[in-house]
Amino acid sequence: QVQLVESGGGSVQAGDSLRLSCAVSGRSFNAYAWFRHREFVASTSWGGASTDYADSVKGRFTISRDNASNTVYLQMNSLKPEDTGVYYCAASRRMGRFTRVDLYDSWGQGTMVTVSS
């Protein structure tokens, strides 16, 4: 059974940092991404060498993956109130990086991030 389990969300002040984790079990995938609700945030291809970011988070967020532990991370720095939302981890069997929701096969349950001004 495929499972993606997010953790690391919470309530912080503007300017703070958080690191989200996504533990993947059941199978391995080629591409991973983070979405805030249905809005693309960041994606990474197999191996983690190729990444993509929404313009709103470039320079502040970093997506990474540890294939040995099947975990995907989203390091979020310099958080802003507009970063508030439920963050979902998504996985795709397709090769490449994708920003579209419909190109991902499996999803986690989400983790809430609240940033106060």
N, C-alpha and C. Protein backbone atom coordinates (compact mmCIF):
# COMPACT_ATOMS: atom_id res chain seq x y z
N GLN A 1 0.84 -1.19 0.00
CA GLN A 1 0.00 0.00 0.00
C GLN A 1 0.88 1.24 0.00
N VAL A 2 0.61 2.13 -0.93
CA VAL A 2 1.38 3.36 -1.02
C VAL A 2 0.90 4.37 0.02
N GLN A 3 1.85 4.95 0.72
CA GLN A 3 1.51 5.99 1.70
C GLN A 3 2.50 7.13 1.61
N LEU A 4 1.98 8.34 1.66
CA LEU A 4 2.80 9.53 1.79
C LEU A 4 2.32 10.23 3.06
N VAL A 5 3.21 10.41 4.01
CA VAL A 5 2.83 10.98 5.29
C VAL A 5 3.67 12.23 5.54
N GLU A 6 2.99 13.37 5.57
CA GLU A 6 3.67 14.64 5.82
C GLU A 6 3.76 14.93 7.31
N SER A 7 4.76 15.68 7.67
CA SER A 7 4.91 16.16 9.04
C SER A 7 5.75 17.43 9.02
N GLY A 8 5.75 18.13 10.16
CA GLY A 8 6.60 19.31 10.28
C GLY A 8 5.87 20.63 10.21
N GLY A 9 4.58 20.60 9.95
CA GLY A 9 3.82 21.84 9.92
C GLY A 9 3.68 22.44 11.31
N GLY A 10 3.20 23.67 11.35
CA GLY A 10 3.01 24.32 12.64
C GLY A 10 2.70 25.78 12.47
N SER A 11 2.68 26.48 13.59
CA SER A 11 2.41 27.92 13.62
C SER A 11 3.69 28.67 13.95
N VAL A 12 4.05 29.60 13.09
CA VAL A 12 5.29 30.36 13.29
C VAL A 12 5.04 31.84 13.00
N GLN A 13 6.05 32.65 13.31
CA GLN A 13 5.99 34.07 13.00
C GLN A 13 6.64 34.33 11.65
N ALA A 14 6.25 35.43 11.04
CA ALA A 14 6.88 35.82 9.78
C ALA A 14 8.39 35.93 9.97
N GLY A 15 9.13 35.41 9.01
CA GLY A 15 10.58 35.41 9.08
C GLY A 15 11.18 34.13 9.63
N ASP A 16 10.34 33.30 10.25
CA ASP A 16 10.82 32.04 10.80
C ASP A 16 10.98 30.99 9.70
N SER A 17 11.47 29.82 10.13
CA SER A 17 11.67 28.71 9.21
C SER A 17 10.94 27.47 9.69
N LEU A 18 10.60 26.61 8.74
CA LEU A 18 10.03 25.30 9.03
C LEU A 18 10.59 24.32 8.01
N ARG A 19 10.68 23.06 8.41
CA ARG A 19 11.03 22.01 7.47
C ARG A 19 9.94 20.96 7.47
N LEU A 20 9.34 20.78 6.31
CA LEU A 20 8.33 19.75 6.14
C LEU A 20 8.99 18.47 5.65
N SER A 21 8.47 17.35 6.12
CA SER A 21 8.96 16.04 5.69
C SER A 21 7.81 15.23 5.10
N CYS A 22 8.14 14.38 4.16
CA CYS A 22 7.16 13.49 3.55
C CYS A 22 7.77 12.10 3.49
N ALA A 23 7.28 11.21 4.31
CA ALA A 23 7.77 9.84 4.35
C ALA A 23 6.97 9.00 3.36
N VAL A 24 7.67 8.39 2.42
CA VAL A 24 7.03 7.62 1.36
C VAL A 24 7.25 6.13 1.60
N SER A 25 6.19 5.36 1.51
CA SER A 25 6.31 3.92 1.66
C SER A 25 5.43 3.21 0.65
N GLY A 26 5.74 1.99 0.38
CA GLY A 26 4.92 1.18 -0.53
C GLY A 26 5.52 1.03 -1.91
N ARG A 27 6.21 2.04 -2.39
CA ARG A 27 6.89 1.99 -3.68
C ARG A 27 7.73 3.25 -3.82
N SER A 28 8.60 3.27 -4.76
CA SER A 28 9.37 4.48 -5.04
C SER A 28 8.78 5.17 -6.27
N PHE A 29 9.00 6.45 -6.37
CA PHE A 29 8.47 7.25 -7.47
C PHE A 29 9.61 8.00 -8.14
N ASN A 30 9.33 8.54 -9.30
CA ASN A 30 10.35 9.26 -10.04
C ASN A 30 10.37 10.75 -9.74
N ALA A 31 9.24 11.32 -9.43
CA ALA A 31 9.18 12.76 -9.19
C ALA A 31 8.32 13.04 -7.97
N TYR A 32 8.70 14.07 -7.25
CA TYR A 32 7.95 14.49 -6.07
C TYR A 32 7.71 15.99 -6.12
N ALA A 33 6.68 16.41 -5.41
CA ALA A 33 6.38 17.83 -5.39
C ALA A 33 5.67 18.18 -4.09
N TRP A 34 5.67 19.45 -3.82
CA TRP A 34 4.86 20.02 -2.74
C TRP A 34 3.88 21.00 -3.34
N PHE A 35 2.65 20.92 -2.86
CA PHE A 35 1.60 21.86 -3.26
C PHE A 35 1.03 22.49 -2.00
N ARG A 36 0.60 23.71 -2.15
CA ARG A 36 -0.15 24.38 -1.07
C ARG A 36 -1.59 24.44 -1.56
N HIS A 37 -2.43 23.65 -0.89
CA HIS A 37 -3.75 23.36 -1.45
C HIS A 37 -3.52 22.78 -2.85
N ARG A 38 -3.97 23.38 -3.89
CA ARG A 38 -3.73 22.86 -5.24
C ARG A 38 -2.75 23.75 -6.01
N GLU A 39 -2.09 24.61 -5.31
CA GLU A 39 -1.12 25.53 -5.93
C GLU A 39 0.29 24.93 -5.86
N PHE A 40 0.95 24.86 -7.00
CA PHE A 40 2.29 24.31 -7.07
C PHE A 40 3.27 25.14 -6.25
N VAL A 41 4.12 24.45 -5.50
CA VAL A 41 5.14 25.11 -4.70
C VAL A 41 6.54 24.73 -5.20
N ALA A 42 6.83 23.42 -5.26
CA ALA A 42 8.16 22.98 -5.65
C ALA A 42 8.11 21.53 -6.12
N SER A 43 9.05 21.16 -6.99
CA SER A 43 9.12 19.78 -7.45
C SER A 43 10.57 19.38 -7.63
N THR A 44 10.80 18.07 -7.61
CA THR A 44 12.13 17.54 -7.82
C THR A 44 12.04 16.26 -8.63
N SER A 45 13.01 16.06 -9.49
CA SER A 45 13.05 14.86 -10.31
C SER A 45 13.79 13.75 -9.57
N TRP A 46 13.84 12.57 -10.19
CA TRP A 46 14.57 11.46 -9.61
C TRP A 46 16.02 11.84 -9.39
N GLY A 47 16.51 11.55 -8.21
CA GLY A 47 17.89 11.89 -7.88
C GLY A 47 18.03 13.25 -7.24
N GLY A 48 17.04 14.11 -7.45
CA GLY A 48 17.06 15.41 -6.79
C GLY A 48 17.93 16.45 -7.45
N ALA A 49 18.54 16.13 -8.60
CA ALA A 49 19.44 17.10 -9.23
C ALA A 49 18.69 18.21 -9.93
N SER A 50 17.45 17.96 -10.29
CA SER A 50 16.66 18.93 -11.03
C SER A 50 15.46 19.35 -10.20
N THR A 51 15.30 20.65 -9.99
CA THR A 51 14.21 21.15 -9.17
C THR A 51 13.51 22.30 -9.86
N ASP A 52 12.31 22.59 -9.40
CA ASP A 52 11.52 23.69 -9.94
C ASP A 52 10.75 24.32 -8.79
N TYR A 53 10.55 25.63 -8.87
CA TYR A 53 9.88 26.34 -7.79
C TYR A 53 8.89 27.35 -8.35
N ALA A 54 7.84 27.57 -7.58
CA ALA A 54 6.94 28.67 -7.89
C ALA A 54 7.70 29.98 -7.67
N ASP A 55 7.38 30.99 -8.45
CA ASP A 55 8.09 32.27 -8.34
C ASP A 55 7.99 32.84 -6.92
N SER A 56 6.87 32.60 -6.27
CA SER A 56 6.63 33.18 -4.95
C SER A 56 7.53 32.62 -3.86
N VAL A 57 8.15 31.46 -4.13
CA VAL A 57 8.99 30.84 -3.08
C VAL A 57 10.45 30.72 -3.48
N LYS A 58 10.79 31.11 -4.70
CA LYS A 58 12.18 31.01 -5.14
C LYS A 58 13.10 31.80 -4.23
N GLY A 59 14.20 31.18 -3.85
CA GLY A 59 15.16 31.82 -2.97
C GLY A 59 14.85 31.65 -1.50
N ARG A 60 13.65 31.16 -1.18
CA ARG A 60 13.26 30.97 0.22
C ARG A 60 13.03 29.49 0.56
N PHE A 61 12.50 28.74 -0.38
CA PHE A 61 12.18 27.32 -0.14
C PHE A 61 13.17 26.44 -0.90
N THR A 62 13.45 25.28 -0.33
CA THR A 62 14.31 24.30 -0.98
C THR A 62 13.69 22.92 -0.85
N ILE A 63 13.50 22.25 -1.98
CA ILE A 63 13.00 20.88 -1.96
C ILE A 63 14.19 19.94 -2.11
N SER A 64 14.15 18.85 -1.37
CA SER A 64 15.22 17.86 -1.46
C SER A 64 14.63 16.48 -1.19
N ARG A 65 15.38 15.46 -1.52
CA ARG A 65 14.91 14.11 -1.29
C ARG A 65 16.06 13.24 -0.85
N ASP A 66 15.75 12.29 0.00
CA ASP A 66 16.71 11.30 0.46
C ASP A 66 16.19 9.96 -0.02
N ASN A 67 16.76 9.46 -1.10
CA ASN A 67 16.26 8.21 -1.68
C ASN A 67 16.51 7.01 -0.76
N ALA A 68 17.54 7.10 0.05
CA ALA A 68 17.85 5.99 0.95
C ALA A 68 16.74 5.78 1.98
N SER A 69 16.16 6.88 2.43
CA SER A 69 15.11 6.78 3.44
C SER A 69 13.72 7.03 2.85
N ASN A 70 13.65 7.25 1.54
CA ASN A 70 12.37 7.54 0.88
C ASN A 70 11.64 8.70 1.55
N THR A 71 12.37 9.78 1.75
CA THR A 71 11.80 10.96 2.38
C THR A 71 12.05 12.19 1.51
N VAL A 72 11.04 13.01 1.41
CA VAL A 72 11.14 14.26 0.65
C VAL A 72 10.98 15.41 1.65
N TYR A 73 11.77 16.44 1.47
CA TYR A 73 11.75 17.56 2.40
C TYR A 73 11.41 18.87 1.68
N LEU A 74 10.87 19.79 2.44
CA LEU A 74 10.69 21.15 1.96
C LEU A 74 11.17 22.08 3.07
N GLN A 75 12.34 22.66 2.86
CA GLN A 75 12.87 23.63 3.80
C GLN A 75 12.30 24.99 3.45
N MET A 76 11.62 25.59 4.39
CA MET A 76 10.96 26.88 4.15
C MET A 76 11.59 27.93 5.06
N ASN A 77 12.24 28.89 4.47
CA ASN A 77 12.88 29.98 5.21
C ASN A 77 12.17 31.30 4.91
N SER A 78 12.41 32.27 5.77
CA SER A 78 11.84 33.62 5.59
C SER A 78 10.34 33.53 5.29
N LEU A 79 9.65 32.79 6.12
CA LEU A 79 8.22 32.57 5.88
C LEU A 79 7.43 33.86 5.95
N LYS A 80 6.39 33.92 5.12
CA LYS A 80 5.50 35.09 5.04
C LYS A 80 4.08 34.64 5.34
N PRO A 81 3.23 35.56 5.77
CA PRO A 81 1.83 35.19 6.04
C PRO A 81 1.14 34.55 4.83
N GLU A 82 1.52 34.97 3.64
CA GLU A 82 0.89 34.40 2.43
C GLU A 82 1.34 32.96 2.15
N ASP A 83 2.31 32.46 2.91
CA ASP A 83 2.70 31.05 2.79
C ASP A 83 1.75 30.15 3.59
N THR A 84 0.86 30.72 4.33
CA THR A 84 -0.08 29.95 5.14
C THR A 84 -0.95 29.05 4.28
N GLY A 85 -1.14 27.81 4.75
CA GLY A 85 -2.00 26.88 4.04
C GLY A 85 -1.68 25.45 4.39
N VAL A 86 -2.44 24.55 3.78
CA VAL A 86 -2.18 23.12 3.94
C VAL A 86 -1.22 22.69 2.84
N TYR A 87 -0.11 22.10 3.23
CA TYR A 87 0.91 21.66 2.28
C TYR A 87 0.78 20.16 2.07
N TYR A 88 0.74 19.79 0.80
CA TYR A 88 0.59 18.39 0.42
C TYR A 88 1.83 17.91 -0.32
N CYS A 89 2.24 16.72 0.01
CA CYS A 89 3.30 16.04 -0.71
C CYS A 89 2.65 15.20 -1.82
N ALA A 90 3.24 15.22 -3.00
CA ALA A 90 2.70 14.47 -4.13
C ALA A 90 3.82 13.70 -4.81
N ALA A 91 3.46 12.54 -5.40
CA ALA A 91 4.46 11.69 -6.05
C ALA A 91 3.96 11.25 -7.41
N SER A 92 4.89 11.16 -8.35
CA SER A 92 4.54 10.76 -9.71
C SER A 92 5.45 9.64 -10.19
N ARG A 93 4.89 8.71 -10.95
CA ARG A 93 5.69 7.66 -11.55
C ARG A 93 6.33 8.12 -12.86
N ARG A 94 5.91 9.26 -13.36
CA ARG A 94 6.47 9.78 -14.60
C ARG A 94 7.86 10.35 -14.37
N MET A 95 8.67 10.30 -15.37
CA MET A 95 10.00 10.89 -15.31
C MET A 95 9.89 12.38 -15.59
N GLY A 96 10.61 13.17 -14.83
CA GLY A 96 10.64 14.61 -15.08
C GLY A 96 10.20 15.39 -13.86
N ARG A 97 9.86 16.66 -14.07
CA ARG A 97 9.33 17.53 -13.02
C ARG A 97 8.04 18.13 -13.53
N PHE A 98 7.07 18.23 -12.68
CA PHE A 98 5.76 18.68 -13.12
C PHE A 98 5.16 19.68 -12.14
N THR A 99 4.43 20.63 -12.69
CA THR A 99 3.76 21.62 -11.85
C THR A 99 2.26 21.38 -11.80
N ARG A 100 1.76 20.49 -12.62
CA ARG A 100 0.32 20.24 -12.70
C ARG A 100 -0.11 19.17 -11.70
N VAL A 101 -1.20 19.45 -11.05
CA VAL A 101 -1.76 18.55 -10.06
C VAL A 101 -2.09 17.19 -10.66
N ASP A 102 -2.62 17.17 -11.87
CA ASP A 102 -3.12 15.92 -12.45
C ASP A 102 -2.00 14.99 -12.91
N LEU A 103 -0.75 15.41 -12.85
CA LEU A 103 0.36 14.54 -13.26
C LEU A 103 0.96 13.78 -12.07
N TYR A 104 0.37 13.95 -10.92
CA TYR A 104 0.84 13.23 -9.74
C TYR A 104 -0.14 12.14 -9.35
N ASP A 105 0.40 10.97 -9.00
CA ASP A 105 -0.41 9.78 -8.79
C ASP A 105 -0.86 9.59 -7.35
N SER A 106 0.00 9.99 -6.42
CA SER A 106 -0.30 9.74 -5.02
C SER A 106 -0.09 11.00 -4.20
N TRP A 107 -0.90 11.13 -3.16
CA TRP A 107 -0.89 12.34 -2.33
C TRP A 107 -0.91 11.98 -0.86
N GLY A 108 -0.30 12.85 -0.06
CA GLY A 108 -0.39 12.73 1.38
C GLY A 108 -1.65 13.40 1.89
N GLN A 109 -1.79 13.38 3.21
CA GLN A 109 -3.00 13.92 3.82
C GLN A 109 -2.89 15.42 4.11
N GLY A 110 -1.68 15.96 4.01
CA GLY A 110 -1.47 17.39 4.21
C GLY A 110 -1.01 17.73 5.62
N THR A 111 -0.28 18.82 5.71
CA THR A 111 0.16 19.35 7.00
C THR A 111 -0.03 20.86 6.98
N MET A 112 -0.57 21.38 8.08
CA MET A 112 -0.94 22.80 8.11
C MET A 112 0.25 23.67 8.50
N VAL A 113 0.42 24.74 7.76
CA VAL A 113 1.43 25.75 8.07
C VAL A 113 0.71 27.08 8.26
N THR A 114 0.92 27.71 9.40
CA THR A 114 0.32 29.01 9.69
C THR A 114 1.43 30.00 10.01
N VAL A 115 1.47 31.09 9.26
CA VAL A 115 2.49 32.11 9.46
C VAL A 115 1.80 33.41 9.87
N SER A 116 2.13 33.89 11.03
CA SER A 116 1.53 35.11 11.57
C SER A 116 2.45 36.30 11.35
N SER A 117 1.84 37.46 11.13
CA SER A 117 2.64 38.68 10.91
C SER A 117 3.01 39.34 12.22
